[in-house]
């Protein structure tokens, strides 16, 4: 029978590393900063956030109007 071939050349050296991601030191703090960013976003852009679901509009202008007017359903 044929021997299985390796797909990866183990003798080849890695020539380049792109980017370095460091894991967070305190994972719980990341969640806090995410909530804080969401609150800051709400204050910066005072439009309502849509509830979860799918909203269909015929034009972008119709969607923008719906986002700007409070308490309307498409």
PDB file of N, CA and C in Angstrom:
ATOM      1  N   UNK A   1       0.835  -1.193   0.000  1.00  0.00           N
ATOM      2  CA  UNK A   1       0.000   0.000   0.000  1.00  0.00           C
ATOM      3  C   UNK A   1       0.874   1.248   0.000  1.00  0.00           C
ATOM      4  N   UNK A   2       0.253   2.308  -0.428  1.00  0.00           N
ATOM      5  CA  UNK A   2       0.967   3.580  -0.465  1.00  0.00           C
ATOM      6  C   UNK A   2       1.033   4.181   0.930  1.00  0.00           C
ATOM      7  N   UNK A   3       2.168   4.769   1.243  1.00  0.00           N
ATOM      8  CA  UNK A   3       2.327   5.491   2.510  1.00  0.00           C
ATOM      9  C   UNK A   3       1.603   6.826   2.403  1.00  0.00           C
ATOM     10  N   UNK A   4       0.904   7.262   3.460  1.00  0.00           N
ATOM     11  CA  UNK A   4       0.261   8.583   3.401  1.00  0.00           C
ATOM     12  C   UNK A   4       1.316   9.683   3.348  1.00  0.00           C
ATOM     13  N   UNK A   5       1.092  10.640   2.468  1.00  0.00           N
ATOM     14  CA  UNK A   5       2.021  11.753   2.328  1.00  0.00           C
ATOM     15  C   UNK A   5       1.642  12.868   3.290  1.00  0.00           C
ATOM     16  N   UNK A   6       2.633  13.516   3.834  1.00  0.00           N
ATOM     17  CA  UNK A   6       2.350  14.670   4.685  1.00  0.00           C
ATOM     18  C   UNK A   6       2.095  15.882   3.799  1.00  0.00           C
ATOM     19  N   UNK A   7       1.115  16.666   4.191  1.00  0.00           N
ATOM     20  CA  UNK A   7       0.775  17.853   3.418  1.00  0.00           C
ATOM     21  C   UNK A   7       1.682  19.010   3.802  1.00  0.00           C
ATOM     22  N   UNK A   8       2.113  19.038   5.048  1.00  0.00           N
ATOM     23  CA  UNK A   8       2.941  20.129   5.556  1.00  0.00           C
ATOM     24  C   UNK A   8       4.399  19.687   5.557  1.00  0.00           C
ATOM     25  N   UNK A   9       5.255  20.524   5.045  1.00  0.00           N
ATOM     26  CA  UNK A   9       6.676  20.246   5.067  1.00  0.00           C
ATOM     27  C   UNK A   9       7.210  20.640   6.436  1.00  0.00           C
ATOM     28  N   UNK A  10       7.537  19.663   7.259  1.00  0.00           N
ATOM     29  CA  UNK A  10       7.981  19.942   8.619  1.00  0.00           C
ATOM     30  C   UNK A  10       9.397  20.490   8.675  1.00  0.00           C
ATOM     31  N   UNK A  11      10.154  20.321   7.604  1.00  0.00           N
ATOM     32  CA  UNK A  11      11.532  20.805   7.598  1.00  0.00           C
ATOM     33  C   UNK A  11      11.628  22.267   7.168  1.00  0.00           C
ATOM     34  N   UNK A  12      10.552  22.818   6.631  1.00  0.00           N
ATOM     35  CA  UNK A  12      10.565  24.191   6.154  1.00  0.00           C
ATOM     36  C   UNK A  12      10.455  25.150   7.334  1.00  0.00           C
ATOM     37  N   UNK A  13      11.251  26.196   7.313  1.00  0.00           N
ATOM     38  CA  UNK A  13      11.188  27.194   8.381  1.00  0.00           C
ATOM     39  C   UNK A  13      10.154  28.254   8.011  1.00  0.00           C
ATOM     40  N   UNK A  14       9.500  28.796   9.021  1.00  0.00           N
ATOM     41  CA  UNK A  14       8.510  29.839   8.795  1.00  0.00           C
ATOM     42  C   UNK A  14       9.260  31.131   8.539  1.00  0.00           C
ATOM     43  N   UNK A  15       8.978  31.759   7.431  1.00  0.00           N
ATOM     44  CA  UNK A  15       9.727  32.935   7.026  1.00  0.00           C
ATOM     45  C   UNK A  15       9.229  34.239   7.627  1.00  0.00           C
ATOM     46  N   UNK A  16       7.953  34.333   7.924  1.00  0.00           N
ATOM     47  CA  UNK A  16       7.424  35.630   8.318  1.00  0.00           C
ATOM     48  C   UNK A  16       6.221  35.439   9.234  1.00  0.00           C
ATOM     49  N   UNK A  17       6.118  36.293  10.233  1.00  0.00           N
ATOM     50  CA  UNK A  17       4.961  36.308  11.118  1.00  0.00           C
ATOM     51  C   UNK A  17       4.264  37.644  10.939  1.00  0.00           C
ATOM     52  N   UNK A  18       2.967  37.603  10.666  1.00  0.00           N
ATOM     53  CA  UNK A  18       2.212  38.819  10.425  1.00  0.00           C
ATOM     54  C   UNK A  18       1.349  39.097  11.645  1.00  0.00           C
ATOM     55  N   UNK A  19       1.644  40.161  12.354  1.00  0.00           N
ATOM     56  CA  UNK A  19       0.855  40.570  13.508  1.00  0.00           C
ATOM     57  C   UNK A  19       1.158  39.741  14.743  1.00  0.00           C
ATOM     58  N   UNK A  20       0.923  40.361  15.871  1.00  0.00           N
ATOM     59  CA  UNK A  20       1.084  39.675  17.148  1.00  0.00           C
ATOM     60  C   UNK A  20      -0.089  40.033  18.029  1.00  0.00           C
ATOM     61  N   UNK A  21      -0.870  39.054  18.360  1.00  0.00           N
ATOM     62  CA  UNK A  21      -2.016  39.297  19.224  1.00  0.00           C
ATOM     63  C   UNK A  21      -1.685  38.810  20.616  1.00  0.00           C
ATOM     64  N   UNK A  22      -1.827  39.707  21.572  1.00  0.00           N
ATOM     65  CA  UNK A  22      -1.593  39.335  22.962  1.00  0.00           C
ATOM     66  C   UNK A  22      -2.936  39.075  23.627  1.00  0.00           C
ATOM     67  N   UNK A  23      -3.065  37.969  24.333  1.00  0.00           N
ATOM     68  CA  UNK A  23      -4.336  37.709  25.019  1.00  0.00           C
ATOM     69  C   UNK A  23      -4.557  38.739  26.122  1.00  0.00           C
ATOM     70  N   UNK A  24      -5.810  39.077  26.420  1.00  0.00           N
ATOM     71  CA  UNK A  24      -6.077  40.062  27.464  1.00  0.00           C
ATOM     72  C   UNK A  24      -5.635  39.544  28.828  1.00  0.00           C
ATOM     73  N   UNK A  25      -5.143  40.454  29.652  1.00  0.00           N
ATOM     74  CA  UNK A  25      -4.689  40.049  30.980  1.00  0.00           C
ATOM     75  C   UNK A  25      -5.869  39.738  31.893  1.00  0.00           C
ATOM     76  N   UNK A  26      -6.954  40.491  31.738  1.00  0.00           N
ATOM     77  CA  UNK A  26      -8.150  40.261  32.550  1.00  0.00           C
ATOM     78  C   UNK A  26      -9.355  40.150  31.609  1.00  0.00           C
ATOM     79  N   UNK A  27      -9.808  38.933  31.304  1.00  0.00           N
ATOM     80  CA  UNK A  27     -10.895  38.774  30.336  1.00  0.00           C
ATOM     81  C   UNK A  27     -12.196  39.447  30.759  1.00  0.00           C
ATOM     82  N   UNK A  28     -12.454  39.567  32.042  1.00  0.00           N
ATOM     83  CA  UNK A  28     -13.685  40.202  32.499  1.00  0.00           C
ATOM     84  C   UNK A  28     -13.681  41.694  32.227  1.00  0.00           C
ATOM     85  N   UNK A  29     -12.524  42.298  32.239  1.00  0.00           N
ATOM     86  CA  UNK A  29     -12.435  43.727  31.972  1.00  0.00           C
ATOM     87  C   UNK A  29     -12.770  44.040  30.510  1.00  0.00           C
ATOM     88  N   UNK A  30     -12.473  43.132  29.613  1.00  0.00           N
ATOM     89  CA  UNK A  30     -12.801  43.332  28.202  1.00  0.00           C
ATOM     90  C   UNK A  30     -14.308  43.462  28.034  1.00  0.00           C
ATOM     91  N   UNK A  31     -15.076  42.624  28.738  1.00  0.00           N
ATOM     92  CA  UNK A  31     -16.526  42.695  28.660  1.00  0.00           C
ATOM     93  C   UNK A  31     -17.028  44.033  29.191  1.00  0.00           C
ATOM     94  N   UNK A  32     -16.427  44.518  30.277  1.00  0.00           N
ATOM     95  CA  UNK A  32     -16.822  45.814  30.816  1.00  0.00           C
ATOM     96  C   UNK A  32     -16.553  46.924  29.817  1.00  0.00           C
ATOM     97  N   UNK A  33     -15.400  46.878  29.149  1.00  0.00           N
ATOM     98  CA  UNK A  33     -15.092  47.941  28.199  1.00  0.00           C
ATOM     99  C   UNK A  33     -16.015  47.870  26.982  1.00  0.00           C
ATOM    100  N   UNK A  34     -16.467  46.663  26.631  1.00  0.00           N
ATOM    101  CA  UNK A  34     -17.397  46.529  25.513  1.00  0.00           C
ATOM    102  C   UNK A  34     -18.730  47.183  25.849  1.00  0.00           C
ATOM    103  N   UNK A  35     -19.207  46.970  27.064  1.00  0.00           N
ATOM    104  CA  UNK A  35     -20.453  47.600  27.498  1.00  0.00           C
ATOM    105  C   UNK A  35     -20.277  49.113  27.551  1.00  0.00           C
ATOM    106  N   UNK A  36     -19.140  49.556  28.037  1.00  0.00           N
ATOM    107  CA  UNK A  36     -18.875  50.989  28.107  1.00  0.00           C
ATOM    108  C   UNK A  36     -18.850  51.604  26.706  1.00  0.00           C
ATOM    109  N   UNK A  37     -18.241  50.912  25.742  1.00  0.00           N
ATOM    110  CA  UNK A  37     -18.217  51.425  24.370  1.00  0.00           C
ATOM    111  C   UNK A  37     -19.616  51.498  23.784  1.00  0.00           C
ATOM    112  N   UNK A  38     -20.446  50.511  24.085  1.00  0.00           N
ATOM    113  CA  UNK A  38     -21.820  50.530  23.585  1.00  0.00           C
ATOM    114  C   UNK A  38     -22.573  51.724  24.158  1.00  0.00           C
ATOM    115  N   UNK A  39     -22.372  52.008  25.435  1.00  0.00           N
ATOM    116  CA  UNK A  39     -23.027  53.164  26.051  1.00  0.00           C
ATOM    117  C   UNK A  39     -22.528  54.470  25.448  1.00  0.00           C
ATOM    118  N   UNK A  40     -21.233  54.566  25.198  1.00  0.00           N
ATOM    119  CA  UNK A  40     -20.685  55.766  24.574  1.00  0.00           C
ATOM    120  C   UNK A  40     -21.221  55.931  23.152  1.00  0.00           C
ATOM    121  N   UNK A  41     -21.384  54.825  22.438  1.00  0.00           N
ATOM    122  CA  UNK A  41     -21.944  54.874  21.091  1.00  0.00           C
ATOM    123  C   UNK A  41     -23.376  55.398  21.123  1.00  0.00           C
ATOM    124  N   UNK A  42     -24.144  54.949  22.119  1.00  0.00           N
ATOM    125  CA  UNK A  42     -25.527  55.422  22.266  1.00  0.00           C
ATOM    126  C   UNK A  42     -25.563  56.929  22.485  1.00  0.00           C
ATOM    127  N   UNK A  43     -24.662  57.437  23.322  1.00  0.00           N
ATOM    128  CA  UNK A  43     -24.623  58.875  23.592  1.00  0.00           C
ATOM    129  C   UNK A  43     -24.149  59.664  22.370  1.00  0.00           C
ATOM    130  N   UNK A  44     -23.204  59.115  21.607  1.00  0.00           N
ATOM    131  CA  UNK A  44     -22.661  59.824  20.450  1.00  0.00           C
ATOM    132  C   UNK A  44     -23.664  59.882  19.302  1.00  0.00           C
ATOM    133  N   UNK A  45     -24.409  58.804  19.108  1.00  0.00           N
ATOM    134  CA  UNK A  45     -25.382  58.727  18.024  1.00  0.00           C
ATOM    135  C   UNK A  45     -26.761  58.485  18.625  1.00  0.00           C
ATOM    136  N   UNK A  46     -27.491  59.543  18.898  1.00  0.00           N
ATOM    137  CA  UNK A  46     -28.769  59.385  19.604  1.00  0.00           C
ATOM    138  C   UNK A  46     -29.902  58.873  18.709  1.00  0.00           C
ATOM    139  N   UNK A  47     -29.711  57.743  18.089  1.00  0.00           N
ATOM    140  CA  UNK A  47     -30.792  57.109  17.345  1.00  0.00           C
ATOM    141  C   UNK A  47     -31.147  55.827  18.076  1.00  0.00           C
ATOM    142  N   UNK A  48     -32.341  55.364  17.861  1.00  0.00           N
ATOM    143  CA  UNK A  48     -32.749  54.175  18.585  1.00  0.00           C
ATOM    144  C   UNK A  48     -32.103  52.947  17.971  1.00  0.00           C
ATOM    145  N   UNK A  49     -31.859  51.976  18.799  1.00  0.00           N
ATOM    146  CA  UNK A  49     -31.307  50.723  18.322  1.00  0.00           C
ATOM    147  C   UNK A  49     -32.470  49.782  18.032  1.00  0.00           C
ATOM    148  N   UNK A  50     -32.492  49.165  16.876  1.00  0.00           N
ATOM    149  CA  UNK A  50     -33.620  48.297  16.535  1.00  0.00           C
ATOM    150  C   UNK A  50     -33.609  47.024  17.370  1.00  0.00           C
ATOM    151  N   UNK A  51     -34.793  46.480  17.603  1.00  0.00           N
ATOM    152  CA  UNK A  51     -34.891  45.211  18.287  1.00  0.00           C
ATOM    153  C   UNK A  51     -34.383  44.126  17.357  1.00  0.00           C
ATOM    154  N   UNK A  52     -34.086  42.977  17.921  1.00  0.00           N
ATOM    155  CA  UNK A  52     -33.583  41.876  17.117  1.00  0.00           C
ATOM    156  C   UNK A  52     -34.639  41.427  16.120  1.00  0.00           C
ATOM    157  N   UNK A  53     -34.198  41.058  14.951  1.00  0.00           N
ATOM    158  CA  UNK A  53     -35.108  40.595  13.926  1.00  0.00           C
ATOM    159  C   UNK A  53     -34.689  41.091  12.560  1.00  0.00           C
ATOM    160  N   UNK A  54     -35.509  40.840  11.588  1.00  0.00           N
ATOM    161  CA  UNK A  54     -35.228  41.250  10.220  1.00  0.00           C
ATOM    162  C   UNK A  54     -36.185  42.363   9.842  1.00  0.00           C
ATOM    163  N   UNK A  55     -35.636  43.446   9.355  1.00  0.00           N
ATOM    164  CA  UNK A  55     -36.433  44.578   8.915  1.00  0.00           C
ATOM    165  C   UNK A  55     -36.144  44.790   7.436  1.00  0.00           C
ATOM    166  N   UNK A  56     -37.192  44.866   6.642  1.00  0.00           N
ATOM    167  CA  UNK A  56     -37.019  45.026   5.204  1.00  0.00           C
ATOM    168  C   UNK A  56     -37.593  46.373   4.767  1.00  0.00           C
ATOM    169  N   UNK A  57     -36.795  47.082   3.991  1.00  0.00           N
ATOM    170  CA  UNK A  57     -37.195  48.377   3.479  1.00  0.00           C
ATOM    171  C   UNK A  57     -36.957  48.396   1.978  1.00  0.00           C
ATOM    172  N   UNK A  58     -37.718  49.230   1.279  1.00  0.00           N
ATOM    173  CA  UNK A  58     -37.556  49.329  -0.168  1.00  0.00           C
ATOM    174  C   UNK A  58     -36.352  50.188  -0.535  1.00  0.00           C
ATOM    175  N   UNK A  59     -36.051  51.205   0.273  1.00  0.00           N
ATOM    176  CA  UNK A  59     -34.926  52.092  -0.023  1.00  0.00           C
ATOM    177  C   UNK A  59     -34.144  52.362   1.262  1.00  0.00           C
ATOM    178  N   UNK A  60     -32.937  52.868   1.080  1.00  0.00           N
ATOM    179  CA  UNK A  60     -32.127  53.275   2.233  1.00  0.00           C
ATOM    180  C   UNK A  60     -32.756  54.477   2.934  1.00  0.00           C
ATOM    181  N   UNK A  61     -33.374  55.342   2.158  1.00  0.00           N
ATOM    182  CA  UNK A  61     -34.003  56.528   2.742  1.00  0.00           C
ATOM    183  C   UNK A  61     -35.142  56.121   3.669  1.00  0.00           C
ATOM    184  N   UNK A  62     -35.912  55.114   3.282  1.00  0.00           N
ATOM    185  CA  UNK A  62     -37.006  54.622   4.127  1.00  0.00           C
ATOM    186  C   UNK A  62     -36.461  54.038   5.428  1.00  0.00           C
ATOM    187  N   UNK A  63     -35.345  53.332   5.355  1.00  0.00           N
ATOM    188  CA  UNK A  63     -34.734  52.771   6.556  1.00  0.00           C
ATOM    189  C   UNK A  63     -34.195  53.879   7.459  1.00  0.00           C
ATOM    190  N   UNK A  64     -33.572  54.904   6.860  1.00  0.00           N
ATOM    191  CA  UNK A  64     -33.067  56.028   7.653  1.00  0.00           C
ATOM    192  C   UNK A  64     -34.201  56.766   8.347  1.00  0.00           C
ATOM    193  N   UNK A  65     -35.292  56.966   7.650  1.00  0.00           N
ATOM    194  CA  UNK A  65     -36.441  57.639   8.241  1.00  0.00           C
ATOM    195  C   UNK A  65     -36.999  56.831   9.407  1.00  0.00           C
ATOM    196  N   UNK A  66     -37.051  55.510   9.248  1.00  0.00           N
ATOM    197  CA  UNK A  66     -37.551  54.644  10.317  1.00  0.00           C
ATOM    198  C   UNK A  66     -36.640  54.687  11.544  1.00  0.00           C
ATOM    199  N   UNK A  67     -35.310  54.781  11.309  1.00  0.00           N
ATOM    200  CA  UNK A  67     -34.363  54.839  12.425  1.00  0.00           C
ATOM    201  C   UNK A  67     -34.496  56.173  13.172  1.00  0.00           C
ATOM    202  N   UNK A  68     -34.846  57.251  12.470  1.00  0.00           N
ATOM    203  CA  UNK A  68     -34.919  58.567  13.097  1.00  0.00           C
ATOM    204  C   UNK A  68     -36.235  58.806  13.831  1.00  0.00           C
ATOM    205  N   UNK A  69     -37.317  58.166  13.418  1.00  0.00           N
ATOM    206  CA  UNK A  69     -38.606  58.406  14.058  1.00  0.00           C
ATOM    207  C   UNK A  69     -38.845  57.391  15.175  1.00  0.00           C
ATOM    208  N   UNK A  70     -39.225  57.846  16.347  1.00  0.00           N
ATOM    209  CA  UNK A  70     -39.404  56.919  17.467  1.00  0.00           C
ATOM    210  C   UNK A  70     -40.730  56.154  17.390  1.00  0.00           C
ATOM    211  N   UNK A  71     -40.718  54.945  17.899  1.00  0.00           N
ATOM    212  CA  UNK A  71     -41.901  54.107  18.075  1.00  0.00           C
ATOM    213  C   UNK A  71     -42.710  53.863  16.805  1.00  0.00           C
ATOM    214  N   UNK A  72     -42.041  53.532  15.719  1.00  0.00           N
ATOM    215  CA  UNK A  72     -42.754  53.163  14.503  1.00  0.00           C
ATOM    216  C   UNK A  72     -42.350  51.759  14.104  1.00  0.00           C
ATOM    217  N   UNK A  73     -43.240  51.069  13.447  1.00  0.00           N
ATOM    218  CA  UNK A  73     -42.988  49.707  12.981  1.00  0.00           C
ATOM    219  C   UNK A  73     -43.052  49.734  11.468  1.00  0.00           C
ATOM    220  N   UNK A  74     -42.097  49.054  10.801  1.00  0.00           N
ATOM    221  CA  UNK A  74     -42.083  49.107   9.322  1.00  0.00           C
ATOM    222  C   UNK A  74     -43.306  48.461   8.722  1.00  0.00           C
TER     223      UNK A  74
END
